[in-house]
N, C-alpha and C. Protein backbone atom coordinates (compact mmCIF):
# COMPACT_ATOMS: atom_id res chain seq x y z
N MET A 1 0.84 -1.17 0.00
CA MET A 1 0.00 0.00 0.00
C MET A 1 0.89 1.23 0.00
N THR A 2 0.50 2.20 -0.78
CA THR A 2 1.30 3.42 -0.92
C THR A 2 0.43 4.65 -0.69
N ALA A 3 1.10 5.77 -0.61
CA ALA A 3 0.37 7.04 -0.48
C ALA A 3 -0.47 7.32 -1.72
N GLU A 4 -0.08 6.73 -2.85
CA GLU A 4 -0.84 6.94 -4.09
C GLU A 4 -2.15 6.14 -4.10
N THR A 5 -2.19 5.02 -3.40
CA THR A 5 -3.41 4.21 -3.37
C THR A 5 -4.35 4.59 -2.22
N ALA A 6 -3.84 5.27 -1.22
CA ALA A 6 -4.66 5.63 -0.06
C ALA A 6 -5.91 6.44 -0.41
N PRO A 7 -5.84 7.43 -1.31
CA PRO A 7 -7.05 8.20 -1.62
C PRO A 7 -8.20 7.35 -2.16
N PHE A 8 -7.90 6.40 -3.06
CA PHE A 8 -9.02 5.62 -3.57
C PHE A 8 -9.45 4.53 -2.59
N ILE A 9 -8.56 4.13 -1.67
CA ILE A 9 -8.99 3.22 -0.59
C ILE A 9 -10.02 3.94 0.27
N LYS A 10 -9.76 5.18 0.59
CA LYS A 10 -10.70 5.96 1.40
C LYS A 10 -12.04 6.14 0.68
N LEU A 11 -11.99 6.37 -0.63
CA LEU A 11 -13.22 6.51 -1.40
C LEU A 11 -13.98 5.19 -1.44
N ALA A 12 -13.30 4.09 -1.67
CA ALA A 12 -13.96 2.79 -1.73
C ALA A 12 -14.63 2.46 -0.40
N ILE A 13 -13.98 2.76 0.70
CA ILE A 13 -14.57 2.54 2.02
C ILE A 13 -15.82 3.41 2.18
N ALA A 14 -15.71 4.67 1.78
CA ALA A 14 -16.85 5.59 1.89
C ALA A 14 -18.03 5.13 1.03
N GLU A 15 -17.74 4.46 -0.08
CA GLU A 15 -18.80 3.98 -0.97
C GLU A 15 -19.34 2.62 -0.55
N GLY A 16 -18.82 2.08 0.54
CA GLY A 16 -19.38 0.85 1.08
C GLY A 16 -18.69 -0.44 0.67
N TYR A 17 -17.55 -0.35 0.01
CA TYR A 17 -16.82 -1.56 -0.34
C TYR A 17 -16.29 -2.23 0.93
N TYR A 18 -16.31 -3.55 0.91
CA TYR A 18 -15.73 -4.31 2.01
C TYR A 18 -14.20 -4.22 1.96
N GLN A 19 -13.60 -4.23 3.14
CA GLN A 19 -12.15 -4.11 3.20
C GLN A 19 -11.45 -5.27 2.49
N HIS A 20 -12.01 -6.46 2.54
CA HIS A 20 -11.35 -7.59 1.89
C HIS A 20 -11.38 -7.46 0.37
N VAL A 21 -12.39 -6.80 -0.18
CA VAL A 21 -12.45 -6.57 -1.63
C VAL A 21 -11.35 -5.58 -2.04
N ILE A 22 -11.20 -4.54 -1.26
CA ILE A 22 -10.17 -3.53 -1.53
C ILE A 22 -8.79 -4.17 -1.43
N ALA A 23 -8.57 -4.95 -0.38
CA ALA A 23 -7.28 -5.60 -0.18
C ALA A 23 -6.97 -6.57 -1.32
N ALA A 24 -7.97 -7.32 -1.78
CA ALA A 24 -7.75 -8.26 -2.88
C ALA A 24 -7.37 -7.52 -4.16
N TYR A 25 -8.02 -6.39 -4.41
CA TYR A 25 -7.69 -5.59 -5.59
C TYR A 25 -6.23 -5.14 -5.54
N LEU A 26 -5.78 -4.75 -4.35
CA LEU A 26 -4.41 -4.26 -4.19
C LEU A 26 -3.40 -5.38 -4.01
N ASN A 27 -3.90 -6.62 -3.86
CA ASN A 27 -3.04 -7.75 -3.56
C ASN A 27 -2.23 -7.46 -2.30
N ASP A 28 -2.93 -6.99 -1.28
CA ASP A 28 -2.30 -6.61 -0.02
C ASP A 28 -3.13 -7.16 1.14
N ASN A 29 -2.62 -6.98 2.32
CA ASN A 29 -3.26 -7.47 3.53
C ASN A 29 -4.43 -6.57 3.92
N GLN A 30 -5.51 -7.18 4.37
CA GLN A 30 -6.69 -6.42 4.80
C GLN A 30 -6.36 -5.47 5.95
N GLY A 31 -5.38 -5.84 6.75
CA GLY A 31 -4.96 -4.98 7.86
C GLY A 31 -4.45 -3.64 7.40
N ARG A 32 -3.79 -3.60 6.23
CA ARG A 32 -3.31 -2.32 5.70
C ARG A 32 -4.48 -1.43 5.29
N VAL A 33 -5.53 -2.03 4.77
CA VAL A 33 -6.73 -1.27 4.43
C VAL A 33 -7.35 -0.71 5.70
N SER A 34 -7.42 -1.53 6.73
CA SER A 34 -7.97 -1.09 8.01
C SER A 34 -7.15 0.06 8.61
N GLU A 35 -5.84 -0.05 8.49
CA GLU A 35 -4.99 1.03 9.02
C GLU A 35 -5.21 2.34 8.26
N THR A 36 -5.47 2.26 6.98
CA THR A 36 -5.79 3.47 6.21
C THR A 36 -7.14 4.02 6.66
N LYS A 37 -8.10 3.12 6.89
CA LYS A 37 -9.44 3.55 7.32
C LYS A 37 -9.39 4.27 8.66
N THR A 38 -8.60 3.75 9.60
CA THR A 38 -8.54 4.32 10.95
C THR A 38 -7.57 5.49 11.06
N GLY A 39 -6.76 5.73 10.02
CA GLY A 39 -5.83 6.84 10.05
C GLY A 39 -4.46 6.48 10.59
N LYS A 40 -4.20 5.22 10.87
CA LYS A 40 -2.87 4.82 11.31
C LYS A 40 -1.85 4.93 10.18
N ARG A 41 -2.32 4.81 8.96
CA ARG A 41 -1.49 5.00 7.77
C ARG A 41 -2.16 6.06 6.89
N HIS A 42 -1.36 6.90 6.33
CA HIS A 42 -1.80 7.89 5.34
C HIS A 42 -2.99 8.73 5.82
N ALA A 43 -2.93 9.16 7.06
CA ALA A 43 -4.01 9.97 7.63
C ALA A 43 -4.20 11.28 6.87
N ASP A 44 -3.15 11.80 6.29
CA ASP A 44 -3.23 13.09 5.59
C ASP A 44 -3.64 12.96 4.13
N ALA A 45 -3.84 11.74 3.66
CA ALA A 45 -4.22 11.54 2.25
C ALA A 45 -5.67 12.00 2.04
N PRO A 46 -5.91 12.70 0.95
CA PRO A 46 -7.29 13.12 0.65
C PRO A 46 -8.10 11.94 0.11
N VAL A 47 -9.39 12.12 0.00
CA VAL A 47 -10.26 11.12 -0.62
C VAL A 47 -10.27 11.35 -2.12
N ALA A 48 -10.13 10.29 -2.89
CA ALA A 48 -10.10 10.41 -4.35
C ALA A 48 -11.46 10.85 -4.90
N ASP A 49 -11.44 11.40 -6.09
CA ASP A 49 -12.67 11.81 -6.78
C ASP A 49 -13.39 10.62 -7.40
N GLN A 50 -12.61 9.63 -7.85
CA GLN A 50 -13.20 8.45 -8.48
C GLN A 50 -12.28 7.26 -8.29
N LEU A 51 -12.87 6.08 -8.41
CA LEU A 51 -12.12 4.84 -8.30
C LEU A 51 -11.45 4.52 -9.64
N PRO A 52 -10.39 3.74 -9.62
CA PRO A 52 -9.77 3.33 -10.88
C PRO A 52 -10.77 2.60 -11.77
N ALA A 53 -10.59 2.70 -13.06
CA ALA A 53 -11.54 2.11 -14.01
C ALA A 53 -11.63 0.60 -13.88
N ASP A 54 -10.56 -0.05 -13.45
CA ASP A 54 -10.57 -1.50 -13.33
C ASP A 54 -10.95 -2.00 -11.93
N PHE A 55 -11.39 -1.09 -11.08
CA PHE A 55 -11.79 -1.48 -9.72
C PHE A 55 -13.06 -2.33 -9.80
N PRO A 56 -13.17 -3.39 -8.99
CA PRO A 56 -14.36 -4.26 -9.07
C PRO A 56 -15.64 -3.51 -8.74
N LEU A 57 -16.73 -3.94 -9.35
CA LEU A 57 -18.02 -3.33 -9.08
C LEU A 57 -18.49 -3.72 -7.67
N ALA A 58 -19.20 -2.83 -7.04
CA ALA A 58 -19.75 -3.12 -5.71
C ALA A 58 -20.81 -4.20 -5.83
N ALA A 59 -20.83 -5.07 -4.85
CA ALA A 59 -21.81 -6.16 -4.86
C ALA A 59 -23.17 -5.69 -4.43
């Protein structure tokens, strides 16, 4: 997980995506997504305007 992915992680969480879906897309640990959600990582990152075009559709 990087500072470049944190903004769209925040947007995906705000749009109701499950953390495990976000983590699978990033091929990363769900804990890193949780840390971004709680502000332990990348607290200063803004929320993205849109998700990447290849991001999975919400269920």
